[in-house]
Amino acid sequence: MRSGKCGEVSRRSFIKLGVTGLAAAGATNPLGLHGRPAAGARKPIGLQLYSVRFDCEKDLPGTIAAAAKMGYQGVEFAGYYKRSAKELREMLDDNGLKCCGTHIGLDTLIGNELPATVEFNKMLGNEFLIVPGLSEERTLSRKAWLETARLFNNIAGKLKPEGMRVGYHNHSIEFKPLDGEMPWDTFFLNTSKDVVMQIDVGNALEGGADPVPFIRKYPGRAATVHVKEYSKSNPKAYVGEGDVKWKEVLALLEKIGGTQWYIVEYEAEGMPPLESVKRCLENLHKMGM
């Protein structure tokens, strides 16, 4: 079975990488069913593997093992590196990790593609199927966003009996007014609560939007969150070292976000990927996470 494909959006030019598809702290943060924290445990922290994509290309098993050794409790895929779901699941199990999501193209969730996608993610033990971007025709106007919202509602209804959820991940365009309304609002005001609002904190700030009002506006929707830094003065800042008001953001997510996973993403050009994501995790631990 195919491991997914880029389809509607070539997320960050993933096709150019030749990757098939878009896409110890564990002792103190025990995980329950579907990677959710057990009662009384802190929220688990996962790693978006796009952050270390070149390491994954060279040595996927070694990179996943390195993430576990750092203290990450799960990984979110953005490509499957021509591996089967069974192979990927074995890598996760061997390192005591959970799959906290996949970034996949919208086309893998439509029509005849959906059953294979569901089967693949069941093998991974993954609940969250996140679309990280959309083709231009789906975002050109408020009307297009409304049609896209209806499509996501339809997908959410089909995934719910499977114990899975579809979601959408922002970049910056979602916070630029379009036809009198921000696309983020057009989309989430018109999708059901079953559609995950995977807010990328750094991307939102880059788009000129404070993430706090949006977390407040859509309580319980931020089931998984991308913990990414943003800094006007230092584009290479690690999590906790930039402009994000993490104390406020994290407190709100804990209180009303419905957040099950915090997912680190770091993409500064020229920085050592594995060392960088390790620093981000260490900083989160210093913040009490």
Protein backbone atom coordinates (compact mmCIF):
# COMPACT_ATOMS: atom_id res chain seq x y z
CA MET A 1 0.00 0.00 0.00
CA ARG A 2 1.25 3.50 -0.78
CA SER A 3 2.47 5.61 2.09
CA GLY A 4 0.76 8.76 0.95
CA LYS A 5 1.61 11.40 -1.65
CA CYS A 6 2.04 15.13 -1.88
CA GLY A 7 -1.08 15.75 -3.98
CA GLU A 8 -2.78 19.11 -3.49
CA VAL A 9 0.15 20.86 -1.90
CA SER A 10 3.86 20.16 -2.17
CA ARG A 11 4.50 21.13 1.43
CA ARG A 12 7.75 23.07 1.48
CA SER A 13 8.77 21.44 -1.82
CA PHE A 14 8.77 17.95 -0.32
CA ILE A 15 8.55 16.34 -3.77
CA LYS A 16 12.01 17.74 -4.51
CA LEU A 17 13.35 15.63 -1.69
CA GLY A 18 12.07 12.46 -3.34
CA VAL A 19 10.13 11.50 -0.26
CA THR A 20 6.93 9.50 -0.62
CA GLY A 21 4.17 11.44 1.08
CA LEU A 22 3.92 14.74 2.84
CA ALA A 23 4.80 14.04 5.90
CA ALA A 24 13.99 9.94 29.84
CA ALA A 25 10.82 12.15 29.78
CA GLY A 26 8.55 9.28 28.96
CA ALA A 27 8.86 7.97 32.49
CA THR A 28 7.46 11.19 33.94
CA ASN A 29 4.86 11.70 31.20
CA PRO A 30 3.10 8.34 30.83
CA LEU A 31 0.91 8.04 27.73
CA GLY A 32 -2.51 6.52 27.47
CA LEU A 33 -4.67 5.41 24.54
CA HIS A 34 -3.84 7.09 21.19
CA GLY A 35 -0.83 8.82 22.77
CA ARG A 36 -2.96 10.88 25.16
CA PRO A 37 -1.47 11.60 28.57
CA ALA A 38 -2.71 9.46 31.41
CA ALA A 39 -4.60 11.13 34.26
CA GLY A 40 -2.37 13.55 36.13
CA ALA A 41 0.42 13.47 33.56
CA ARG A 42 1.82 16.48 31.72
CA LYS A 43 1.11 16.83 28.02
CA PRO A 44 3.57 14.88 25.87
CA ILE A 45 5.95 16.59 23.46
CA GLY A 46 6.48 15.31 19.93
CA LEU A 47 8.84 16.22 17.11
CA GLN A 48 7.76 17.17 13.60
CA LEU A 49 10.22 15.13 11.54
CA TYR A 50 10.34 17.76 8.81
CA SER A 51 12.70 19.57 11.20
CA VAL A 52 15.27 16.79 10.68
CA ARG A 53 14.26 15.72 7.17
CA PHE A 54 17.80 15.45 5.79
CA ASP A 55 18.83 13.24 8.70
CA CYS A 56 15.72 11.14 8.06
CA GLU A 57 16.70 10.73 4.42
CA LYS A 58 20.12 9.45 5.40
CA ASP A 59 19.13 7.29 8.38
CA LEU A 60 15.48 7.21 9.36
CA PRO A 61 15.79 4.55 12.11
CA GLY A 62 18.78 6.35 13.62
CA THR A 63 17.05 9.72 13.55
CA ILE A 64 13.94 8.39 15.23
CA ALA A 65 16.11 6.71 17.87
CA ALA A 66 17.95 10.01 18.42
CA ALA A 67 14.66 11.84 18.96
CA ALA A 68 13.63 9.30 21.59
CA LYS A 69 17.00 9.57 23.33
CA MET A 70 16.57 13.35 23.56
CA GLY A 71 13.31 12.82 25.44
CA TYR A 72 10.70 13.31 22.74
CA GLN A 73 7.67 11.09 23.30
CA GLY A 74 6.30 11.03 19.79
CA VAL A 75 6.91 12.06 16.20
CA GLU A 76 4.75 13.66 13.55
CA PHE A 77 5.52 12.49 10.04
CA ALA A 78 5.82 14.74 6.98
CA GLY A 79 6.67 12.02 4.50
CA TYR A 80 7.27 8.31 4.98
CA TYR A 81 10.58 7.91 3.15
CA LYS A 82 9.28 4.98 1.07
CA ARG A 83 8.72 2.93 4.22
CA SER A 84 5.63 0.87 4.88
CA ALA A 85 3.37 1.61 7.82
CA LYS A 86 4.52 -1.62 9.43
CA GLU A 87 8.18 -0.61 9.16
CA LEU A 88 7.47 2.83 10.60
CA ARG A 89 5.44 1.39 13.47
CA GLU A 90 8.25 -0.98 14.35
CA MET A 91 10.70 1.94 14.50
CA LEU A 92 8.38 3.79 16.85
CA ASP A 93 7.73 0.76 19.05
CA ASP A 94 11.43 -0.05 19.25
CA ASN A 95 12.03 3.41 20.72
CA GLY A 96 8.96 3.71 22.93
CA LEU A 97 7.49 6.49 20.76
CA LYS A 98 3.96 7.30 19.59
CA CYS A 99 2.85 8.71 16.28
CA CYS A 100 1.37 12.11 17.22
CA GLY A 101 0.27 12.95 13.69
CA THR A 102 1.00 12.97 10.00
CA HIS A 103 1.12 15.87 7.57
CA ILE A 104 -0.49 14.66 4.37
CA GLY A 105 -2.02 16.07 1.22
CA LEU A 106 -5.75 16.68 1.07
CA ASP A 107 -6.02 14.35 -1.92
CA THR A 108 -5.12 11.38 0.30
CA LEU A 109 -8.31 12.02 2.30
CA ILE A 110 -10.71 12.16 -0.64
CA GLY A 111 -12.63 9.51 -2.55
CA ASN A 112 -10.95 6.18 -3.19
CA GLU A 113 -7.74 7.32 -1.49
CA LEU A 114 -9.31 7.59 1.96
CA PRO A 115 -9.62 3.88 2.85
CA ALA A 116 -5.93 3.27 2.16
CA THR A 117 -4.99 6.34 4.19
CA VAL A 118 -7.09 5.12 7.11
CA GLU A 119 -5.52 1.66 6.93
CA PHE A 120 -2.00 3.12 6.84
CA ASN A 121 -2.61 5.34 9.87
CA LYS A 122 -4.27 2.59 11.85
CA MET A 123 -1.04 0.66 11.53
CA LEU A 124 0.87 3.73 12.72
CA GLY A 125 -1.50 4.11 15.67
CA ASN A 126 -2.15 7.67 14.52
CA GLU A 127 -5.26 9.67 15.35
CA PHE A 128 -4.39 13.00 13.70
CA LEU A 129 -4.39 13.44 9.92
CA ILE A 130 -3.27 17.02 9.37
CA VAL A 131 -3.35 18.91 6.08
CA PRO A 132 -0.42 21.38 6.10
CA GLY A 133 -1.50 23.54 3.18
CA LEU A 134 -3.98 23.84 0.34
CA SER A 135 -3.88 24.40 -3.40
CA GLU A 136 -4.52 27.91 -4.64
CA GLU A 137 -8.02 27.27 -5.93
CA ARG A 138 -9.10 26.28 -2.42
CA THR A 139 -7.87 29.54 -0.86
CA LEU A 140 -8.49 32.22 -3.52
CA SER A 141 -11.63 33.67 -1.96
CA ARG A 142 -13.91 33.46 1.04
CA LYS A 143 -16.23 31.30 -1.06
CA ALA A 144 -13.36 28.90 -1.78
CA TRP A 145 -12.53 28.69 1.93
CA LEU A 146 -16.19 27.95 2.72
CA GLU A 147 -16.21 25.12 0.17
CA THR A 148 -13.00 23.79 1.68
CA ALA A 149 -14.57 23.91 5.15
CA ARG A 150 -17.52 21.83 3.91
CA LEU A 151 -15.09 19.29 2.47
CA PHE A 152 -13.23 19.01 5.79
CA ASN A 153 -16.53 18.50 7.61
CA ASN A 154 -17.32 15.65 5.24
CA ILE A 155 -13.90 14.07 5.81
CA ALA A 156 -14.24 14.50 9.58
CA GLY A 157 -17.54 12.65 9.52
CA LYS A 158 -15.98 9.72 7.69
CA LEU A 159 -12.95 9.57 9.99
CA LYS A 160 -14.82 9.80 13.28
CA PRO A 161 -15.99 6.15 13.28
CA GLU A 162 -12.36 5.16 12.68
CA GLY A 163 -11.19 7.03 15.78
CA MET A 164 -9.31 9.57 13.67
CA ARG A 165 -9.50 13.31 13.12
CA VAL A 166 -8.64 15.55 10.20
CA GLY A 167 -7.03 18.90 10.87
CA TYR A 168 -5.54 21.96 9.25
CA HIS A 169 -2.15 23.58 9.89
CA ASN A 170 -1.57 27.26 9.27
CA HIS A 171 1.21 29.18 7.62
CA SER A 172 0.75 32.96 7.37
CA ILE A 173 -1.82 33.58 4.60
CA GLU A 174 -4.65 32.46 6.88
CA PHE A 175 -4.24 35.67 8.88
CA LYS A 176 -4.39 38.10 5.94
CA PRO A 177 -7.94 39.48 5.50
CA LEU A 178 -9.76 38.13 2.44
CA ASP A 179 -13.19 39.33 1.34
CA GLY A 180 -13.75 41.03 4.68
CA GLU A 181 -12.70 38.16 6.93
CA MET A 182 -9.55 36.34 7.99
CA PRO A 183 -9.40 32.92 6.26
CA TRP A 184 -8.62 31.31 9.64
CA ASP A 185 -12.01 32.48 10.88
CA THR A 186 -13.79 31.64 7.64
CA PHE A 187 -12.51 28.09 7.94
CA PHE A 188 -12.88 27.37 11.65
CA LEU A 189 -16.18 29.17 12.11
CA ASN A 190 -17.59 26.84 9.47
CA THR A 191 -16.01 23.53 10.45
CA SER A 192 -17.19 21.18 13.14
CA LYS A 193 -15.34 20.71 16.43
CA ASP A 194 -14.11 17.40 15.04
CA VAL A 195 -11.76 19.33 12.72
CA VAL A 196 -8.47 19.95 14.54
CA MET A 197 -7.09 23.48 14.64
CA GLN A 198 -3.37 22.73 14.52
CA ILE A 199 -2.14 26.24 15.18
CA ASP A 200 1.51 26.87 14.39
CA VAL A 201 2.44 29.57 16.85
CA GLY A 202 5.50 30.82 14.99
CA ASN A 203 3.77 30.89 11.61
CA ALA A 204 0.86 32.85 13.06
CA LEU A 205 3.19 35.52 14.45
CA GLU A 206 5.05 35.66 11.16
CA GLY A 207 1.70 36.39 9.53
CA GLY A 208 1.16 39.26 11.95
CA ALA A 209 -1.33 37.44 14.17
CA ASP A 210 -1.21 36.96 17.92
CA PRO A 211 -2.21 33.30 18.43
CA VAL A 212 -3.80 33.98 21.84
CA PRO A 213 -7.13 35.46 20.62
CA PHE A 214 -7.57 32.57 18.20
CA ILE A 215 -6.98 29.97 20.91
CA ARG A 216 -9.58 31.76 23.03
CA LYS A 217 -12.02 32.01 20.14
CA TYR A 218 -11.92 28.28 19.38
CA PRO A 219 -11.74 26.48 22.74
CA GLY A 220 -11.03 22.78 22.62
CA ARG A 221 -9.98 22.87 18.97
CA ALA A 222 -6.17 22.91 19.36
CA ALA A 223 -5.71 19.17 19.91
CA THR A 224 -2.18 19.31 18.52
CA VAL A 225 -0.07 22.46 18.44
CA HIS A 226 3.12 23.33 16.60
CA VAL A 227 5.56 24.80 19.07
CA LYS A 228 7.65 26.97 16.77
CA GLU A 229 9.52 30.12 17.70
CA TYR A 230 9.39 33.44 15.89
CA SER A 231 11.76 36.35 16.30
CA LYS A 232 11.96 39.56 14.29
CA SER A 233 15.61 40.05 15.25
CA ASN A 234 16.89 36.47 15.20
CA PRO A 235 15.45 34.04 12.64
CA LYS A 236 17.53 31.25 14.19
CA ALA A 237 16.07 31.60 17.69
CA TYR A 238 15.25 28.37 19.50
CA VAL A 239 11.91 27.85 21.21
CA GLY A 240 11.80 30.11 24.24
CA GLU A 241 14.38 32.55 22.89
CA GLY A 242 12.26 34.70 20.58
CA ASP A 243 9.16 36.88 20.55
CA VAL A 244 6.52 34.28 21.43
CA LYS A 245 4.93 34.86 24.83
CA TRP A 246 5.16 31.19 25.68
CA LYS A 247 4.00 31.47 29.28
CA GLU A 248 0.71 33.01 28.18
CA VAL A 249 0.27 30.76 25.15
CA LEU A 250 0.98 27.52 26.98
CA ALA A 251 -1.15 28.45 29.99
CA LEU A 252 -4.10 29.12 27.69
CA LEU A 253 -3.61 25.91 25.74
CA GLU A 254 -3.53 23.97 29.00
CA LYS A 255 -6.66 25.69 30.25
CA ILE A 256 -8.97 25.78 27.21
CA GLY A 257 -7.07 24.52 24.16
CA GLY A 258 -7.97 20.86 24.52
CA THR A 259 -4.35 20.21 23.62
CA GLN A 260 -3.15 16.60 23.64
CA TRP A 261 0.27 17.05 22.00
CA TYR A 262 2.83 19.81 21.77
CA ILE A 263 4.89 19.30 18.60
CA VAL A 264 8.25 21.01 18.13
CA GLU A 265 9.18 22.29 14.69
CA TYR A 266 12.41 24.11 13.92
CA GLU A 267 13.51 25.18 10.45
CA ALA A 268 16.37 27.70 10.63
CA GLU A 269 18.62 27.37 7.61
CA GLY A 270 22.23 26.57 8.34
CA MET A 271 21.62 25.30 11.86
CA PRO A 272 22.38 21.67 12.86
CA PRO A 273 18.93 20.02 12.86
CA LEU A 274 19.35 17.38 15.56
CA GLU A 275 21.20 19.69 17.91
CA SER A 276 18.60 22.40 17.31
CA VAL A 277 15.56 20.27 18.13
CA LYS A 278 17.37 19.03 21.23
CA ARG A 279 17.89 22.64 22.37
CA CYS A 280 14.22 23.42 21.74
CA LEU A 281 13.14 20.48 23.89
CA GLU A 282 15.55 21.42 26.66
CA ASN A 283 14.11 24.94 26.69
CA LEU A 284 10.58 23.58 26.95
CA HIS A 285 11.63 21.46 29.90
CA LYS A 286 13.04 24.58 31.53
CA MET A 287 9.61 26.14 31.11
CA GLY A 288 8.16 23.27 33.14
CA MET A 289 6.82 21.24 30.25
